[in-house]
Amino acid sequence: EQACVTMVKNETSGEEFLDLPVHPAVTNEAVDFVVANRDLLGLRIERYLQRMKMRSQWKGNVEEARWNRRLWKHYLTLDRHISAPFRQILTDTEMIIGPNFGNLDVLAYADGPLVQRCACYLLLRTTVAHWTKKLTDAKFVVANPYEPLSTELDVNFIELFGKGGVPRKARDKMKSDNAAFVPTEATVRERERVVAMSLQMKNAFVEESSLFDDLPVELRFIEGALNIRNETERRQFMVETFCPQENITPEALRAGVRRLYIQFSRMIPDPYQEMTLELDELIDELSRGTAEDDTPFDEYVSNLDVNGPGFFQTYTFDQKKFSGERFMDEALKKIQE
């Protein structure tokens, strides 16, 4: 709040006073503050501001709720402003990698300024994560074919519903004889080829020293860490191998990876969701047992105590039977019980 407010002039009276800039303007001081604390803010402060707005509404503090809503909206504006260059460079890089998919001569199209090579590596790593998930889902669907039940709630369909590659369509289409969109053995083989080629392209990029060796330390770290599947071994790799080799502290490295995760969390889900989840999992594993495992926001956003500082109740009293408000209320009651 202190970083965001600035002197604003009333156009009618000419009076100047401290307030948030008129939307969508932001101050350089606010941008500098969010960038400097990027690894500590991100989604957590966004959820915190949301809860504070809802808590003010629940308590009937109208002016406080209006201010919290303005502050939340201002933070979203700042966040989108800061995230935009990252989104743009990855979007532009899609136009480079896409037409060259299958071309292992990575120097021919991936070479360039450092920022372009960073984007190329991240997009290649994202492609591997995305198509690996699609392959895993296709294998699951093939191994667990749709089995209609006589009951109204079809458990098998609900399970298949959440798998990538299966359309979020009506249930009767799943039973259609010409449902070509449902993954088959041929789909599995096709996706296996895509995953194999994605891995080859990513590995070719990494093995080319002129492309990879001078990338930021966070990118070179995730290349090694994401290839390790054991949580303990990942932490050992960070503390015993990578940090001494790169002359960086584990705290600084975790902060860099966390900033990268926050940037990815602002990308569209398709195809960046799988990479975002991998980075989220990696951060959780690297932070386990450290002071960073708990954040000041947890007391507000992850606390179910009715006396907690972030607690609020929904203020709608005529919720429909299947409304989101009633669903959340019932879920909260069960957890508290």
C-alpha atoms as a PDB file:
ATOM      1  CA  GLU A   1       0.000   0.000   0.000  1.00  0.00           C
ATOM      2  CA  GLN A   2       2.790   2.419   0.896  1.00  0.00           C
ATOM      3  CA  ALA A   3       4.580   1.683  -2.373  1.00  0.00           C
ATOM      4  CA  CYS A   4       1.463   2.148  -4.503  1.00  0.00           C
ATOM      5  CA  VAL A   5      -0.020   5.407  -3.245  1.00  0.00           C
ATOM      6  CA  THR A   6       1.053   8.713  -4.766  1.00  0.00           C
ATOM      7  CA  MET A   7      -0.094  12.313  -4.906  1.00  0.00           C
ATOM      8  CA  VAL A   8      -3.323  12.541  -6.907  1.00  0.00           C
ATOM      9  CA  LYS A   9      -4.985  15.797  -7.933  1.00  0.00           C
ATOM     10  CA  ASN A  10      -8.725  16.381  -7.725  1.00  0.00           C
ATOM     11  CA  GLU A  11      -9.674  17.756 -11.150  1.00  0.00           C
ATOM     12  CA  THR A  12     -12.580  19.733  -9.703  1.00  0.00           C
ATOM     13  CA  SER A  13     -11.103  21.367  -6.613  1.00  0.00           C
ATOM     14  CA  GLY A  14      -7.437  21.155  -7.559  1.00  0.00           C
ATOM     15  CA  GLU A  15      -6.662  19.628  -4.167  1.00  0.00           C
ATOM     16  CA  GLU A  16      -3.821  17.110  -3.990  1.00  0.00           C
ATOM     17  CA  PHE A  17      -3.951  14.092  -1.704  1.00  0.00           C
ATOM     18  CA  LEU A  18      -2.407  10.630  -1.298  1.00  0.00           C
ATOM     19  CA  ASP A  19      -4.298   7.916  -3.153  1.00  0.00           C
ATOM     20  CA  LEU A  20      -3.870   5.115  -5.656  1.00  0.00           C
ATOM     21  CA  PRO A  21      -3.280   6.321  -9.233  1.00  0.00           C
ATOM     22  CA  VAL A  22      -6.300   6.409 -11.514  1.00  0.00           C
ATOM     23  CA  HIS A  23      -6.688   2.973 -13.108  1.00  0.00           C
ATOM     24  CA  PRO A  24      -4.799   1.692 -15.092  1.00  0.00           C
ATOM     25  CA  ALA A  25      -1.868   3.972 -14.215  1.00  0.00           C
ATOM     26  CA  VAL A  26       0.906   2.630 -11.959  1.00  0.00           C
ATOM     27  CA  THR A  27       3.903   4.349 -10.364  1.00  0.00           C
ATOM     28  CA  ASN A  28       7.534   3.445 -10.926  1.00  0.00           C
ATOM     29  CA  GLU A  29       7.933   2.981  -7.164  1.00  0.00           C
ATOM     30  CA  ALA A  30       5.162   0.366  -7.112  1.00  0.00           C
ATOM     31  CA  VAL A  31       6.657  -1.485 -10.080  1.00  0.00           C
ATOM     32  CA  ASP A  32      10.091  -1.480  -8.437  1.00  0.00           C
ATOM     33  CA  PHE A  33       8.627  -2.797  -5.171  1.00  0.00           C
ATOM     34  CA  VAL A  34       6.736  -5.675  -6.811  1.00  0.00           C
ATOM     35  CA  VAL A  35       9.722  -6.632  -8.981  1.00  0.00           C
ATOM     36  CA  ALA A  36      12.091  -6.581  -5.996  1.00  0.00           C
ATOM     37  CA  ASN A  37       9.721  -8.778  -3.963  1.00  0.00           C
ATOM     38  CA  ARG A  38       8.436 -10.882  -6.846  1.00  0.00           C
ATOM     39  CA  ASP A  39       9.343 -14.190  -5.217  1.00  0.00           C
ATOM     40  CA  LEU A  40       7.486 -13.239  -2.011  1.00  0.00           C
ATOM     41  CA  LEU A  41       4.290 -11.943  -3.604  1.00  0.00           C
ATOM     42  CA  GLY A  42       2.716 -13.533  -6.676  1.00  0.00           C
ATOM     43  CA  LEU A  43      -0.469 -15.523  -6.125  1.00  0.00           C
ATOM     44  CA  ARG A  44      -0.185 -15.401  -2.340  1.00  0.00           C
ATOM     45  CA  ILE A  45      -0.660 -11.668  -1.933  1.00  0.00           C
ATOM     46  CA  GLU A  46      -3.381 -11.755  -4.577  1.00  0.00           C
ATOM     47  CA  ARG A  47      -5.326 -14.298  -2.508  1.00  0.00           C
ATOM     48  CA  TYR A  48      -4.599 -12.320   0.650  1.00  0.00           C
ATOM     49  CA  LEU A  49      -6.060  -9.140  -0.845  1.00  0.00           C
ATOM     50  CA  GLN A  50      -9.103 -11.066  -2.065  1.00  0.00           C
ATOM     51  CA  ARG A  51      -9.751 -12.455   1.416  1.00  0.00           C
ATOM     52  CA  MET A  52      -9.309  -9.056   3.046  1.00  0.00           C
ATOM     53  CA  LYS A  53     -11.915  -7.608   0.687  1.00  0.00           C
ATOM     54  CA  MET A  54     -14.345 -10.441   1.429  1.00  0.00           C
ATOM     55  CA  ARG A  55     -13.694 -10.176   5.163  1.00  0.00           C
ATOM     56  CA  SER A  56     -14.441  -6.450   5.103  1.00  0.00           C
ATOM     57  CA  GLN A  57     -17.688  -7.104   3.236  1.00  0.00           C
ATOM     58  CA  TRP A  58     -18.661  -9.791   5.746  1.00  0.00           C
ATOM     59  CA  LYS A  59     -18.057  -7.413   8.659  1.00  0.00           C
ATOM     60  CA  GLY A  60     -19.976  -4.621   6.931  1.00  0.00           C
ATOM     61  CA  ASN A  61     -16.973  -2.288   6.642  1.00  0.00           C
ATOM     62  CA  VAL A  62     -18.017  -0.735   3.345  1.00  0.00           C
ATOM     63  CA  GLU A  63     -15.237   1.826   2.972  1.00  0.00           C
ATOM     64  CA  GLU A  64     -12.559  -0.675   3.965  1.00  0.00           C
ATOM     65  CA  ALA A  65     -13.994  -3.185   1.472  1.00  0.00           C
ATOM     66  CA  ARG A  66     -13.919  -0.577  -1.294  1.00  0.00           C
ATOM     67  CA  TRP A  67     -10.313   0.293  -0.498  1.00  0.00           C
ATOM     68  CA  ASN A  68      -9.259  -3.371  -0.402  1.00  0.00           C
ATOM     69  CA  ARG A  69     -10.981  -3.932  -3.734  1.00  0.00           C
ATOM     70  CA  ARG A  70      -9.125  -0.987  -5.273  1.00  0.00           C
ATOM     71  CA  LEU A  71      -5.807  -2.172  -3.827  1.00  0.00           C
ATOM     72  CA  TRP A  72      -6.426  -5.724  -5.104  1.00  0.00           C
ATOM     73  CA  LYS A  73      -7.326  -4.414  -8.565  1.00  0.00           C
ATOM     74  CA  HIS A  74      -4.235  -2.187  -8.542  1.00  0.00           C
ATOM     75  CA  TYR A  75      -2.005  -5.135  -7.658  1.00  0.00           C
ATOM     76  CA  LEU A  76      -3.503  -7.165 -10.511  1.00  0.00           C
ATOM     77  CA  THR A  77      -2.717  -4.293 -12.857  1.00  0.00           C
ATOM     78  CA  LEU A  78       0.872  -4.156 -11.600  1.00  0.00           C
ATOM     79  CA  ASP A  79       1.241  -7.915 -11.884  1.00  0.00           C
ATOM     80  CA  ARG A  80      -0.065  -8.025 -15.462  1.00  0.00           C
ATOM     81  CA  HIS A  81       2.140  -5.079 -16.388  1.00  0.00           C
ATOM     82  CA  ILE A  82       5.238  -6.842 -15.057  1.00  0.00           C
ATOM     83  CA  SER A  83       4.316 -10.241 -16.524  1.00  0.00           C
ATOM     84  CA  ALA A  84       3.503  -8.943 -20.012  1.00  0.00           C
ATOM     85  CA  PRO A  85       7.056  -8.984 -21.467  1.00  0.00           C
ATOM     86  CA  PHE A  86       7.569 -12.595 -20.366  1.00  0.00           C
ATOM     87  CA  ARG A  87       4.257 -13.661 -21.926  1.00  0.00           C
ATOM     88  CA  GLN A  88       5.051 -11.790 -25.128  1.00  0.00           C
ATOM     89  CA  ILE A  89       8.511 -13.269 -25.632  1.00  0.00           C
ATOM     90  CA  LEU A  90       7.213 -16.810 -25.117  1.00  0.00           C
ATOM     91  CA  THR A  91       4.324 -16.156 -27.495  1.00  0.00           C
ATOM     92  CA  ASP A  92       6.764 -14.837 -30.112  1.00  0.00           C
ATOM     93  CA  THR A  93       9.014 -17.860 -29.582  1.00  0.00           C
ATOM     94  CA  GLU A  94       6.126 -20.196 -30.359  1.00  0.00           C
ATOM     95  CA  MET A  95       6.349 -18.843 -33.895  1.00  0.00           C
ATOM     96  CA  ILE A  96       9.999 -19.922 -33.989  1.00  0.00           C
ATOM     97  CA  ILE A  97       9.769 -23.373 -32.407  1.00  0.00           C
ATOM     98  CA  GLY A  98       6.470 -24.423 -33.968  1.00  0.00           C
ATOM     99  CA  PRO A  99       7.488 -24.333 -37.664  1.00  0.00           C
ATOM    100  CA  ASN A 100      10.816 -25.976 -36.764  1.00  0.00           C
ATOM    101  CA  PHE A 101       9.410 -28.846 -34.724  1.00  0.00           C
ATOM    102  CA  GLY A 102      11.415 -31.942 -35.615  1.00  0.00           C
ATOM    103  CA  ASN A 103      14.448 -29.950 -36.733  1.00  0.00           C
ATOM    104  CA  LEU A 104      17.407 -30.952 -34.541  1.00  0.00           C
ATOM    105  CA  ASP A 105      19.656 -28.262 -36.020  1.00  0.00           C
ATOM    106  CA  VAL A 106      18.765 -25.958 -33.141  1.00  0.00           C
ATOM    107  CA  LEU A 107      21.528 -23.467 -33.957  1.00  0.00           C
ATOM    108  CA  ALA A 108      19.747 -22.661 -37.202  1.00  0.00           C
ATOM    109  CA  TYR A 109      16.679 -21.203 -35.468  1.00  0.00           C
ATOM    110  CA  ALA A 110      17.246 -20.961 -31.693  1.00  0.00           C
ATOM    111  CA  ASP A 111      20.430 -18.888 -31.699  1.00  0.00           C
ATOM    112  CA  GLY A 112      20.152 -15.213 -30.919  1.00  0.00           C
ATOM    113  CA  PRO A 113      20.204 -12.745 -28.003  1.00  0.00           C
ATOM    114  CA  LEU A 114      20.162 -14.175 -24.493  1.00  0.00           C
ATOM    115  CA  VAL A 115      16.492 -13.396 -23.919  1.00  0.00           C
ATOM    116  CA  GLN A 116      15.523 -15.272 -27.085  1.00  0.00           C
ATOM    117  CA  ARG A 117      17.595 -18.311 -26.130  1.00  0.00           C
ATOM    118  CA  CYS A 118      16.017 -18.306 -22.660  1.00  0.00           C
ATOM    119  CA  ALA A 119      12.576 -18.307 -24.235  1.00  0.00           C
ATOM    120  CA  CYS A 120      13.545 -21.102 -26.653  1.00  0.00           C
ATOM    121  CA  TYR A 121      14.766 -23.312 -23.812  1.00  0.00           C
ATOM    122  CA  LEU A 122      11.686 -22.649 -21.683  1.00  0.00           C
ATOM    123  CA  LEU A 123       9.365 -23.381 -24.583  1.00  0.00           C
ATOM    124  CA  LEU A 124      11.182 -26.618 -25.421  1.00  0.00           C
ATOM    125  CA  ARG A 125      11.015 -27.687 -21.765  1.00  0.00           C
ATOM    126  CA  THR A 126       7.327 -26.710 -21.697  1.00  0.00           C
ATOM    127  CA  THR A 127       6.670 -28.805 -24.811  1.00  0.00           C
ATOM    128  CA  VAL A 128       8.200 -31.856 -23.138  1.00  0.00           C
ATOM    129  CA  ALA A 129       6.085 -31.389 -19.989  1.00  0.00           C
ATOM    130  CA  HIS A 130       2.879 -30.723 -21.948  1.00  0.00           C
ATOM    131  CA  TRP A 131       3.115 -33.698 -24.287  1.00  0.00           C
ATOM    132  CA  THR A 132       4.313 -36.046 -21.550  1.00  0.00           C
ATOM    133  CA  LYS A 133       1.102 -35.262 -19.668  1.00  0.00           C
ATOM    134  CA  LYS A 134      -0.986 -35.765 -22.797  1.00  0.00           C
ATOM    135  CA  LEU A 135       0.731 -39.112 -23.367  1.00  0.00           C
ATOM    136  CA  THR A 136       0.127 -40.200 -19.771  1.00  0.00           C
ATOM    137  CA  ASP A 137      -3.549 -39.245 -20.024  1.00  0.00           C
ATOM    138  CA  ALA A 138      -3.959 -41.050 -23.350  1.00  0.00           C
ATOM    139  CA  LYS A 139      -2.474 -44.218 -21.861  1.00  0.00           C
ATOM    140  CA  PHE A 140      -4.855 -43.958 -18.918  1.00  0.00           C
ATOM    141  CA  VAL A 141      -7.920 -43.535 -21.136  1.00  0.00           C
ATOM    142  CA  VAL A 142      -6.916 -46.469 -23.341  1.00  0.00           C
ATOM    143  CA  ALA A 143      -6.292 -48.676 -20.308  1.00  0.00           C
ATOM    144  CA  ASN A 144      -9.566 -47.599 -18.655  1.00  0.00           C
ATOM    145  CA  PRO A 145     -12.236 -47.548 -21.374  1.00  0.00           C
ATOM    146  CA  TYR A 146     -15.509 -45.824 -20.752  1.00  0.00           C
ATOM    147  CA  GLU A 147     -17.958 -48.077 -18.927  1.00  0.00           C
ATOM    148  CA  PRO A 148     -21.484 -46.650 -18.695  1.00  0.00           C
ATOM    149  CA  LEU A 149     -23.308 -47.450 -15.480  1.00  0.00           C
ATOM    150  CA  SER A 150     -27.019 -47.617 -14.792  1.00  0.00           C
ATOM    151  CA  THR A 151     -26.792 -44.994 -12.057  1.00  0.00           C
ATOM    152  CA  GLU A 152     -27.211 -41.292 -12.716  1.00  0.00           C
ATOM    153  CA  LEU A 153     -23.657 -40.496 -11.570  1.00  0.00           C
ATOM    154  CA  ASP A 154     -21.151 -42.272 -13.773  1.00  0.00           C
ATOM    155  CA  VAL A 155     -17.966 -42.565 -11.708  1.00  0.00           C
ATOM    156  CA  ASN A 156     -15.856 -43.854 -14.581  1.00  0.00           C
ATOM    157  CA  PHE A 157     -16.869 -40.931 -16.763  1.00  0.00           C
ATOM    158  CA  ILE A 158     -16.068 -38.413 -14.016  1.00  0.00           C
ATOM    159  CA  GLU A 159     -12.572 -39.891 -13.726  1.00  0.00           C
ATOM    160  CA  LEU A 160     -12.027 -39.763 -17.485  1.00  0.00           C
ATOM    161  CA  PHE A 161     -13.500 -36.268 -17.605  1.00  0.00           C
ATOM    162  CA  GLY A 162     -10.426 -34.790 -15.939  1.00  0.00           C
ATOM    163  CA  LYS A 163      -7.893 -36.322 -18.288  1.00  0.00           C
ATOM    164  CA  GLY A 164      -6.247 -34.251 -20.989  1.00  0.00           C
ATOM    165  CA  GLY A 165      -7.158 -35.185 -24.516  1.00  0.00           C
ATOM    166  CA  VAL A 166     -10.694 -36.185 -23.599  1.00  0.00           C
ATOM    167  CA  PRO A 167     -13.146 -33.468 -24.637  1.00  0.00           C
ATOM    168  CA  ARG A 168     -15.253 -31.779 -21.995  1.00  0.00           C
ATOM    169  CA  LYS A 169     -18.400 -32.647 -23.903  1.00  0.00           C
ATOM    170  CA  ALA A 170     -21.669 -34.415 -23.202  1.00  0.00           C
ATOM    171  CA  ARG A 171     -21.500 -37.987 -21.936  1.00  0.00           C
ATOM    172  CA  ASP A 172     -23.360 -39.442 -24.926  1.00  0.00           C
ATOM    173  CA  LYS A 173     -20.517 -38.377 -27.233  1.00  0.00           C
ATOM    174  CA  MET A 174     -18.176 -40.609 -25.270  1.00  0.00           C
ATOM    175  CA  LYS A 175     -20.385 -43.553 -26.292  1.00  0.00           C
ATOM    176  CA  SER A 176     -20.533 -42.575 -29.946  1.00  0.00           C
ATOM    177  CA  ASP A 177     -19.186 -45.148 -32.403  1.00  0.00           C
ATOM    178  CA  ASN A 178     -17.463 -42.435 -34.386  1.00  0.00           C
ATOM    179  CA  ALA A 179     -15.894 -40.716 -31.351  1.00  0.00           C
ATOM    180  CA  ALA A 180     -12.552 -40.175 -33.048  1.00  0.00           C
ATOM    181  CA  PHE A 181     -11.590 -37.633 -30.446  1.00  0.00           C
ATOM    182  CA  VAL A 182     -11.259 -40.286 -27.716  1.00  0.00           C
ATOM    183  CA  PRO A 183      -7.599 -41.429 -27.396  1.00  0.00           C
ATOM    184  CA  THR A 184      -6.805 -44.822 -28.919  1.00  0.00           C
ATOM    185  CA  GLU A 185      -3.712 -46.990 -29.269  1.00  0.00           C
ATOM    186  CA  ALA A 186      -2.862 -44.975 -32.378  1.00  0.00           C
ATOM    187  CA  THR A 187      -3.118 -41.782 -30.313  1.00  0.00           C
ATOM    188  CA  VAL A 188      -0.693 -43.218 -27.773  1.00  0.00           C
ATOM    189  CA  ARG A 189       1.837 -44.118 -30.459  1.00  0.00           C
ATOM    190  CA  GLU A 190       1.528 -40.682 -32.047  1.00  0.00           C
ATOM    191  CA  ARG A 191       2.062 -38.908 -28.735  1.00  0.00           C
ATOM    192  CA  GLU A 192       5.020 -41.145 -27.934  1.00  0.00           C
ATOM    193  CA  ARG A 193       6.655 -39.905 -31.121  1.00  0.00           C
ATOM    194  CA  VAL A 194       5.907 -36.285 -30.228  1.00  0.00           C
ATOM    195  CA  VAL A 195       7.361 -36.719 -26.726  1.00  0.00           C
ATOM    196  CA  ALA A 196      10.472 -38.417 -28.122  1.00  0.00           C
ATOM    197  CA  MET A 197      11.060 -35.635 -30.638  1.00  0.00           C
ATOM    198  CA  SER A 198      10.433 -32.930 -28.009  1.00  0.00           C
ATOM    199  CA  LEU A 199      13.040 -34.530 -25.765  1.00  0.00           C
ATOM    200  CA  GLN A 200      15.531 -34.746 -28.609  1.00  0.00           C
ATOM    201  CA  MET A 201      15.067 -31.073 -29.462  1.00  0.00           C
ATOM    202  CA  LYS A 202      15.396 -30.005 -25.835  1.00  0.00           C
ATOM    203  CA  ASN A 203      18.496 -32.157 -25.332  1.00  0.00           C
ATOM    204  CA  ALA A 204      20.039 -30.846 -28.544  1.00  0.00           C
ATOM    205  CA  PHE A 205      19.588 -27.309 -27.251  1.00  0.00           C
ATOM    206  CA  VAL A 206      21.118 -28.160 -23.854  1.00  0.00           C
ATOM    207  CA  GLU A 207      24.080 -29.955 -25.405  1.00  0.00           C
ATOM    208  CA  GLU A 208      24.925 -26.949 -27.588  1.00  0.00           C
ATOM    209  CA  SER A 209      27.160 -24.948 -25.243  1.00  0.00           C
ATOM    210  CA  SER A 210      26.838 -21.690 -27.185  1.00  0.00           C
ATOM    211  CA  LEU A 211      23.071 -21.791 -26.626  1.00  0.00           C
ATOM    212  CA  PHE A 212      22.752 -23.113 -23.092  1.00  0.00           C
ATOM    213  CA  ASP A 213      25.853 -22.501 -20.988  1.00  0.00           C
ATOM    214  CA  ASP A 214      25.324 -18.779 -20.367  1.00  0.00           C
ATOM    215  CA  LEU A 215      21.612 -18.981 -19.553  1.00  0.00           C
ATOM    216  CA  PRO A 216      20.541 -17.634 -16.136  1.00  0.00           C
ATOM    217  CA  VAL A 217      21.382 -19.898 -13.239  1.00  0.00           C
ATOM    218  CA  GLU A 218      17.713 -20.722 -12.551  1.00  0.00           C
ATOM    219  CA  LEU A 219      17.218 -22.204 -16.009  1.00  0.00           C
ATOM    220  CA  ARG A 220      20.377 -24.281 -15.832  1.00  0.00           C
ATOM    221  CA  PHE A 221      19.288 -25.528 -12.409  1.00  0.00           C
ATOM    222  CA  ILE A 222      15.811 -26.658 -13.439  1.00  0.00           C
ATOM    223  CA  GLU A 223      17.326 -28.586 -16.341  1.00  0.00           C
ATOM    224  CA  GLY A 224      19.186 -30.757 -13.862  1.00  0.00           C
ATOM    225  CA  ALA A 225      16.599 -30.756 -11.066  1.00  0.00           C
ATOM    226  CA  LEU A 226      13.560 -31.664 -13.171  1.00  0.00           C
ATOM    227  CA  ASN A 227      15.402 -34.699 -14.505  1.00  0.00           C
ATOM    228  CA  ILE A 228      15.616 -36.010 -10.913  1.00  0.00           C
ATOM    229  CA  ARG A 229      12.405 -37.575  -9.654  1.00  0.00           C
ATOM    230  CA  ASN A 230      13.306 -38.114  -5.991  1.00  0.00           C
ATOM    231  CA  GLU A 231      12.641 -35.190  -3.644  1.00  0.00           C
ATOM    232  CA  THR A 232      15.611 -35.855  -1.372  1.00  0.00           C
ATOM    233  CA  GLU A 233      17.963 -36.247  -4.310  1.00  0.00           C
ATOM    234  CA  ARG A 234      16.744 -32.953  -5.738  1.00  0.00           C
ATOM    235  CA  ARG A 235      17.648 -31.122  -2.532  1.00  0.00           C
ATOM    236  CA  GLN A 236      20.999 -32.889  -2.402  1.00  0.00           C
ATOM    237  CA  PHE A 237      21.671 -31.864  -6.003  1.00  0.00           C
ATOM    238  CA  MET A 238      20.925 -28.241  -5.106  1.00  0.00           C
ATOM    239  CA  VAL A 239      22.946 -28.078  -1.872  1.00  0.00           C
ATOM    240  CA  GLU A 240      25.871 -30.404  -2.582  1.00  0.00           C
ATOM    241  CA  THR A 241      26.413 -30.069  -6.325  1.00  0.00           C
ATOM    242  CA  PHE A 242      24.798 -27.138  -8.076  1.00  0.00           C
ATOM    243  CA  CYS A 243      25.101 -24.300  -5.537  1.00  0.00           C
ATOM    244  CA  PRO A 244      28.838 -24.827  -4.811  1.00  0.00           C
ATOM    245  CA  GLN A 245      29.504 -25.203  -8.528  1.00  0.00           C
ATOM    246  CA  GLU A 246      27.676 -21.959  -9.396  1.00  0.00           C
ATOM    247  CA  ASN A 247      28.749 -20.060  -6.251  1.00  0.00           C
ATOM    248  CA  ILE A 248      25.172 -19.271  -5.244  1.00  0.00           C
ATOM    249  CA  THR A 249      23.331 -19.831  -1.982  1.00  0.00           C
ATOM    250  CA  PRO A 250      20.318 -22.182  -1.848  1.00  0.00           C
ATOM    251  CA  GLU A 251      18.193 -19.236  -0.633  1.00  0.00           C
ATOM    252  CA  ALA A 252      19.058 -17.116  -3.680  1.00  0.00           C
ATOM    253  CA  LEU A 253      18.498 -20.040  -6.024  1.00  0.00           C
ATOM    254  CA  ARG A 254      15.095 -20.818  -4.541  1.00  0.00           C
ATOM    255  CA  ALA A 255      14.125 -17.154  -4.886  1.00  0.00           C
ATOM    256  CA  GLY A 256      15.061 -17.223  -8.571  1.00  0.00           C
ATOM    257  CA  VAL A 257      13.128 -20.421  -9.252  1.00  0.00           C
ATOM    258  CA  ARG A 258      10.148 -19.014  -7.364  1.00  0.00           C
ATOM    259  CA  ARG A 259      10.177 -15.886  -9.555  1.00  0.00           C
ATOM    260  CA  LEU A 260      10.208 -18.112 -12.625  1.00  0.00           C
ATOM    261  CA  TYR A 261       7.250 -20.075 -11.260  1.00  0.00           C
ATOM    262  CA  ILE A 262       5.291 -16.870 -10.669  1.00  0.00           C
ATOM    263  CA  GLN A 263       5.935 -15.795 -14.254  1.00  0.00           C
ATOM    264  CA  PHE A 264       4.709 -19.159 -15.545  1.00  0.00           C
ATOM    265  CA  SER A 265       1.622 -18.972 -13.335  1.00  0.00           C
ATOM    266  CA  ARG A 266       0.556 -15.958 -15.429  1.00  0.00           C
ATOM    267  CA  MET A 267       0.675 -17.911 -18.689  1.00  0.00           C
ATOM    268  CA  ILE A 268      -2.382 -19.516 -20.303  1.00  0.00           C
ATOM    269  CA  PRO A 269      -3.002 -23.122 -19.166  1.00  0.00           C
ATOM    270  CA  ASP A 270      -2.578 -24.641 -22.619  1.00  0.00           C
ATOM    271  CA  PRO A 271       0.276 -25.509 -23.028  1.00  0.00           C
ATOM    272  CA  TYR A 272       1.982 -23.957 -19.967  1.00  0.00           C
ATOM    273  CA  GLN A 273       0.039 -25.525 -17.105  1.00  0.00           C
ATOM    274  CA  GLU A 274       2.147 -28.682 -16.809  1.00  0.00           C
ATOM    275  CA  MET A 275       5.399 -26.715 -16.646  1.00  0.00           C
ATOM    276  CA  THR A 276       3.868 -24.395 -14.054  1.00  0.00           C
ATOM    277  CA  LEU A 277       2.862 -27.352 -11.888  1.00  0.00           C
ATOM    278  CA  GLU A 278       6.324 -28.894 -12.194  1.00  0.00           C
ATOM    279  CA  LEU A 279       7.922 -25.651 -10.990  1.00  0.00           C
ATOM    280  CA  ASP A 280       5.406 -25.370  -8.157  1.00  0.00           C
ATOM    281  CA  GLU A 281       6.212 -28.896  -7.010  1.00  0.00           C
ATOM    282  CA  LEU A 282       9.941 -28.224  -7.309  1.00  0.00           C
ATOM    283  CA  ILE A 283       9.691 -25.093  -5.137  1.00  0.00           C
ATOM    284  CA  ASP A 284       7.726 -26.968  -2.474  1.00  0.00           C
ATOM    285  CA  GLU A 285      10.336 -29.710  -2.358  1.00  0.00           C
ATOM    286  CA  LEU A 286      13.320 -27.355  -2.242  1.00  0.00           C
ATOM    287  CA  SER A 287      11.732 -25.224   0.502  1.00  0.00           C
ATOM    288  CA  ARG A 288      10.667 -28.095   2.740  1.00  0.00           C
ATOM    289  CA  GLY A 289      12.113 -27.735   6.216  1.00  0.00           C
ATOM    290  CA  THR A 290      13.292 -24.153   5.655  1.00  0.00           C
ATOM    291  CA  ALA A 291      11.930 -20.845   6.918  1.00  0.00           C
ATOM    292  CA  GLU A 292      10.434 -20.318   3.447  1.00  0.00           C
ATOM    293  CA  ASP A 293       8.120 -23.308   3.944  1.00  0.00           C
ATOM    294  CA  ASP A 294       5.750 -21.013   5.852  1.00  0.00           C
ATOM    295  CA  THR A 295       4.867 -17.549   4.611  1.00  0.00           C
ATOM    296  CA  PRO A 296       3.204 -14.564   6.337  1.00  0.00           C
ATOM    297  CA  PHE A 297       0.188 -15.072   4.062  1.00  0.00           C
ATOM    298  CA  ASP A 298      -0.540 -18.638   5.232  1.00  0.00           C
ATOM    299  CA  GLU A 299      -2.264 -17.424   8.391  1.00  0.00           C
ATOM    300  CA  TYR A 300      -4.722 -15.505   6.209  1.00  0.00           C
ATOM    301  CA  VAL A 301      -5.287 -17.721   3.161  1.00  0.00           C
ATOM    302  CA  SER A 302      -4.764 -21.261   4.548  1.00  0.00           C
ATOM    303  CA  ASN A 303      -6.333 -20.919   7.984  1.00  0.00           C
ATOM    304  CA  LEU A 304      -9.745 -22.520   8.596  1.00  0.00           C
ATOM    305  CA  ASP A 305     -10.031 -21.154  12.138  1.00  0.00           C
ATOM    306  CA  VAL A 306     -13.197 -19.053  12.468  1.00  0.00           C
ATOM    307  CA  ASN A 307     -11.170 -16.686  14.651  1.00  0.00           C
ATOM    308  CA  GLY A 308      -8.383 -16.414  12.083  1.00  0.00           C
ATOM    309  CA  PRO A 309      -7.446 -13.008  10.642  1.00  0.00           C
ATOM    310  CA  GLY A 310      -8.558 -13.988   7.131  1.00  0.00           C
ATOM    311  CA  PHE A 311     -11.821 -15.755   7.963  1.00  0.00           C
ATOM    312  CA  PHE A 312     -15.062 -14.601   6.358  1.00  0.00           C
ATOM    313  CA  GLN A 313     -18.494 -16.016   5.671  1.00  0.00           C
ATOM    314  CA  THR A 314     -20.408 -15.728   2.433  1.00  0.00           C
ATOM    315  CA  TYR A 315     -23.093 -13.087   2.664  1.00  0.00           C
ATOM    316  CA  THR A 316     -25.636 -14.665   0.314  1.00  0.00           C
ATOM    317  CA  PHE A 317     -28.520 -16.283   2.179  1.00  0.00           C
ATOM    318  CA  ASP A 318     -30.570 -17.631  -0.710  1.00  0.00           C
ATOM    319  CA  GLN A 319     -27.967 -19.850  -2.371  1.00  0.00           C
ATOM    320  CA  LYS A 320     -29.259 -22.167  -5.054  1.00  0.00           C
ATOM    321  CA  LYS A 321     -28.944 -25.888  -4.407  1.00  0.00           C
ATOM    322  CA  PHE A 322     -25.885 -26.391  -6.637  1.00  0.00           C
ATOM    323  CA  SER A 323     -24.376 -22.919  -6.263  1.00  0.00           C
ATOM    324  CA  GLY A 324     -20.698 -22.340  -5.631  1.00  0.00           C
ATOM    325  CA  GLU A 325     -21.519 -20.523  -2.377  1.00  0.00           C
ATOM    326  CA  ARG A 326     -23.403 -23.496  -0.925  1.00  0.00           C
ATOM    327  CA  PHE A 327     -20.734 -25.925  -2.130  1.00  0.00           C
ATOM    328  CA  MET A 328     -17.986 -23.948  -0.366  1.00  0.00           C
ATOM    329  CA  ASP A 329     -20.059 -23.523   2.794  1.00  0.00           C
ATOM    330  CA  GLU A 330     -20.781 -27.245   3.055  1.00  0.00           C
ATOM    331  CA  ALA A 331     -17.168 -28.187   2.341  1.00  0.00           C
ATOM    332  CA  LEU A 332     -15.930 -25.780   5.034  1.00  0.00           C
ATOM    333  CA  LYS A 333     -18.394 -27.190   7.595  1.00  0.00           C
ATOM    334  CA  LYS A 334     -17.213 -30.753   6.934  1.00  0.00           C
ATOM    335  CA  ILE A 335     -13.541 -29.794   7.239  1.00  0.00           C
ATOM    336  CA  GLN A 336     -14.158 -27.911  10.474  1.00  0.00           C
ATOM    337  CA  GLU A 337     -16.141 -30.833  11.915  1.00  0.00           C
END
